[in-house]
């Protein structure tokens, strides 16, 4: 079965409901794993020197990021909070129509990453809607977390699906009928 095709003998509405549930379960699992790893990082890495995992290539080092990726927009944490909230609402709304398992996985990863970053912005210090994201996985020039890895993977998968022209609904677009000139 091709990636974008529906499973045989499964009513479309039931398949969409099942795939929407997959999006939500994947997102919830990602939020749980990300928040647990951040809790661990704060409790075990606070005040410690970086811990080498693979030499200096990958280290565990606790940082708090008030900005977006690459610490862009550090003075606009409240704007990033609004963007994350809009992303969560938009992705959840779009995911109600998902008809492809690949799209469900991509959207679940992005929804989970956006949700956990929103939670950090809302609930962490220095205060509501100004919270800093906990980062602790140091990849040389970048420091991130589990949600960042999921976001990158989810966005990459969605880009591949778009390049392959696989629509969110999972059904290939109907070709336009050829018009023949009237005789």
Protein backbone atom coordinates (compact mmCIF):
# COMPACT_ATOMS: atom_id res chain seq x y z
CA UNK A 1 0.00 0.00 0.00
CA UNK A 2 1.40 3.43 -0.95
CA UNK A 3 2.08 5.96 1.82
CA UNK A 4 -0.81 8.24 0.94
CA UNK A 5 -3.48 5.59 0.25
CA UNK A 6 -6.21 4.62 2.67
CA UNK A 7 -6.34 1.10 4.08
CA UNK A 8 -8.78 -1.13 2.19
CA UNK A 9 -12.19 -1.87 3.74
CA UNK A 10 -11.89 0.89 6.39
CA UNK A 11 -14.57 3.59 6.22
CA UNK A 12 -12.99 7.01 5.63
CA UNK A 13 -14.52 8.59 8.75
CA UNK A 14 -13.25 5.81 11.02
CA UNK A 15 -9.78 5.98 9.47
CA UNK A 16 -9.62 9.76 9.98
CA UNK A 17 -10.73 9.36 13.61
CA UNK A 18 -8.10 6.66 14.18
CA UNK A 19 -5.36 8.79 12.60
CA UNK A 20 -6.41 11.89 14.55
CA UNK A 21 -6.17 9.78 17.71
CA UNK A 22 -2.65 8.74 16.61
CA UNK A 23 -1.69 12.43 16.25
CA UNK A 24 -2.96 13.20 19.77
CA UNK A 25 -1.39 10.11 21.40
CA UNK A 26 1.98 10.76 19.74
CA UNK A 27 1.86 14.43 20.78
CA UNK A 28 0.94 13.54 24.38
CA UNK A 29 3.71 10.94 24.60
CA UNK A 30 6.21 13.45 23.28
CA UNK A 31 5.11 16.08 25.81
CA UNK A 32 5.52 13.53 28.63
CA UNK A 33 8.98 12.39 27.50
CA UNK A 34 10.17 15.95 26.87
CA UNK A 35 8.94 17.27 30.22
CA UNK A 36 10.38 14.27 32.10
CA UNK A 37 13.78 14.72 30.45
CA UNK A 38 13.69 18.45 31.26
CA UNK A 39 12.81 17.65 34.88
CA UNK A 40 15.78 15.26 34.95
CA UNK A 41 18.08 17.84 33.35
CA UNK A 42 17.14 20.57 35.84
CA UNK A 43 17.55 18.23 38.83
CA UNK A 44 20.81 16.60 37.70
CA UNK A 45 22.61 19.22 35.60
CA UNK A 46 22.06 22.43 37.59
CA UNK A 47 25.41 23.82 38.68
CA UNK A 48 27.40 21.06 36.92
CA UNK A 49 30.00 21.26 34.23
CA UNK A 50 28.98 19.79 30.85
CA UNK A 51 28.93 15.99 30.75
CA UNK A 52 30.55 14.42 27.69
CA UNK A 53 28.33 11.86 25.95
CA UNK A 54 30.35 11.54 22.73
CA UNK A 55 33.47 13.54 23.50
CA UNK A 56 32.82 17.20 22.89
CA UNK A 57 30.56 16.37 19.92
CA UNK A 58 27.51 15.72 22.14
CA UNK A 59 27.34 16.89 25.73
CA UNK A 60 24.69 17.37 28.39
CA UNK A 61 24.67 21.03 29.45
CA UNK A 62 21.76 22.85 31.08
CA UNK A 63 20.68 26.17 29.55
CA UNK A 64 17.49 28.22 29.59
CA UNK A 65 16.44 29.69 26.25
CA UNK A 66 14.17 32.75 26.28
CA UNK A 67 14.17 32.86 22.47
CA UNK A 68 13.31 30.65 19.55
CA UNK A 69 15.69 28.39 17.61
CA UNK A 70 19.30 29.59 17.83
CA UNK A 71 18.16 32.02 20.59
CA UNK A 72 16.51 34.30 18.02
CA UNK A 73 14.02 36.78 19.51
CA UNK A 74 15.19 36.56 23.11
CA UNK A 75 13.45 39.84 23.96
CA UNK A 76 10.12 38.67 22.55
CA UNK A 77 9.28 35.61 24.64
CA UNK A 78 5.62 36.66 24.92
CA UNK A 79 5.37 36.79 21.10
CA UNK A 80 6.87 33.29 20.89
CA UNK A 81 4.23 32.17 23.41
CA UNK A 82 1.48 33.48 21.12
CA UNK A 83 3.08 31.82 18.09
CA UNK A 84 3.33 28.48 19.92
CA UNK A 85 -0.33 28.74 21.01
CA UNK A 86 -1.42 29.53 17.44
CA UNK A 87 0.62 26.58 16.15
CA UNK A 88 -0.99 24.19 18.64
CA UNK A 89 -4.50 25.32 17.69
CA UNK A 90 -3.81 25.29 13.93
CA UNK A 91 -2.14 21.87 13.92
CA UNK A 92 -4.90 20.37 16.07
CA UNK A 93 -7.55 21.77 13.72
CA UNK A 94 -5.73 20.53 10.58
CA UNK A 95 -5.07 17.10 12.11
CA UNK A 96 -8.81 16.44 12.34
CA UNK A 97 -8.72 15.83 8.56
CA UNK A 98 -5.58 13.68 8.44
CA UNK A 99 -5.97 10.64 6.19
CA UNK A 100 -2.40 9.36 5.99
CA UNK A 101 -0.34 7.61 8.67
CA UNK A 102 2.78 9.52 7.57
CA UNK A 103 0.95 12.84 7.95
CA UNK A 104 -0.35 11.73 11.35
CA UNK A 105 3.19 11.01 12.52
CA UNK A 106 4.55 14.30 11.15
CA UNK A 107 1.73 16.35 12.69
CA UNK A 108 1.97 14.44 15.99
CA UNK A 109 5.67 15.23 16.27
CA UNK A 110 5.17 18.92 15.47
CA UNK A 111 2.10 19.21 17.73
CA UNK A 112 3.95 17.58 20.63
CA UNK A 113 6.99 19.81 20.18
CA UNK A 114 4.91 22.97 19.92
CA UNK A 115 2.78 21.98 22.93
CA UNK A 116 5.73 21.28 25.21
CA UNK A 117 7.42 24.55 24.20
CA UNK A 118 4.13 26.34 24.90
CA UNK A 119 4.02 24.74 28.36
CA UNK A 120 7.58 25.92 29.04
CA UNK A 121 6.68 29.45 27.96
CA UNK A 122 3.54 29.48 30.11
CA UNK A 123 4.75 27.74 33.26
CA UNK A 124 8.50 28.17 33.69
CA UNK A 125 10.50 31.04 35.17
CA UNK A 126 10.64 33.99 34.91
CA UNK A 127 6.84 34.00 34.70
CA UNK A 128 3.61 33.33 32.83
CA UNK A 129 3.96 33.74 29.03
CA UNK A 130 7.63 34.71 29.52
CA UNK A 131 9.05 31.32 30.55
CA UNK A 132 12.32 30.03 29.21
CA UNK A 133 12.64 26.69 27.41
CA UNK A 134 14.92 24.16 29.12
CA UNK A 135 17.66 22.98 26.75
CA UNK A 136 20.25 20.39 27.71
CA UNK A 137 21.45 18.42 24.66
CA UNK A 138 24.54 20.22 23.34
CA UNK A 139 25.40 19.39 19.69
CA UNK A 140 28.39 21.68 19.31
CA UNK A 141 27.00 24.99 18.08
CA UNK A 142 23.40 24.09 19.08
CA UNK A 143 21.75 23.24 22.39
CA UNK A 144 18.26 21.71 22.35
CA UNK A 145 15.93 19.19 23.89
CA UNK A 146 13.73 16.22 22.96
CA UNK A 147 10.97 18.50 21.63
CA UNK A 148 13.44 20.19 19.27
CA UNK A 149 14.46 16.83 17.83
CA UNK A 150 10.79 15.92 17.31
CA UNK A 151 10.02 19.28 15.71
CA UNK A 152 12.88 18.94 13.23
CA UNK A 153 11.90 15.35 12.41
CA UNK A 154 8.20 16.22 12.05
CA UNK A 155 8.85 19.23 9.83
CA UNK A 156 11.27 17.19 7.68
CA UNK A 157 8.65 14.46 7.24
CA UNK A 158 5.97 17.03 6.31
CA UNK A 159 8.34 18.58 3.75
CA UNK A 160 8.96 15.16 2.18
CA UNK A 161 5.21 14.51 2.03
CA UNK A 162 4.69 17.87 0.33
CA UNK A 163 7.50 17.26 -2.18
CA UNK A 164 5.95 13.87 -2.98
CA UNK A 165 2.53 15.58 -3.42
CA UNK A 166 0.88 13.50 -0.71
CA UNK A 167 -2.03 15.59 0.60
CA UNK A 168 -3.02 15.80 4.26
CA UNK A 169 -6.13 13.76 3.52
CA UNK A 170 -3.98 10.94 2.15
CA UNK A 171 -5.95 10.76 -1.06
CA UNK A 172 -4.20 11.60 -4.27
CA UNK A 173 -5.65 14.57 -6.09
CA UNK A 174 -8.04 13.69 -8.89
CA UNK A 175 -6.50 14.49 -12.27
CA UNK A 176 -8.34 17.06 -14.33
CA UNK A 177 -10.33 15.44 -17.14
CA UNK A 178 -8.85 16.08 -20.54
CA UNK A 179 -10.95 18.41 -22.60
CA UNK A 180 -11.41 17.62 -26.23
CA UNK A 181 -12.28 20.31 -28.70
CA UNK A 182 -15.89 20.17 -29.90
CA UNK A 183 -16.26 19.10 -33.52
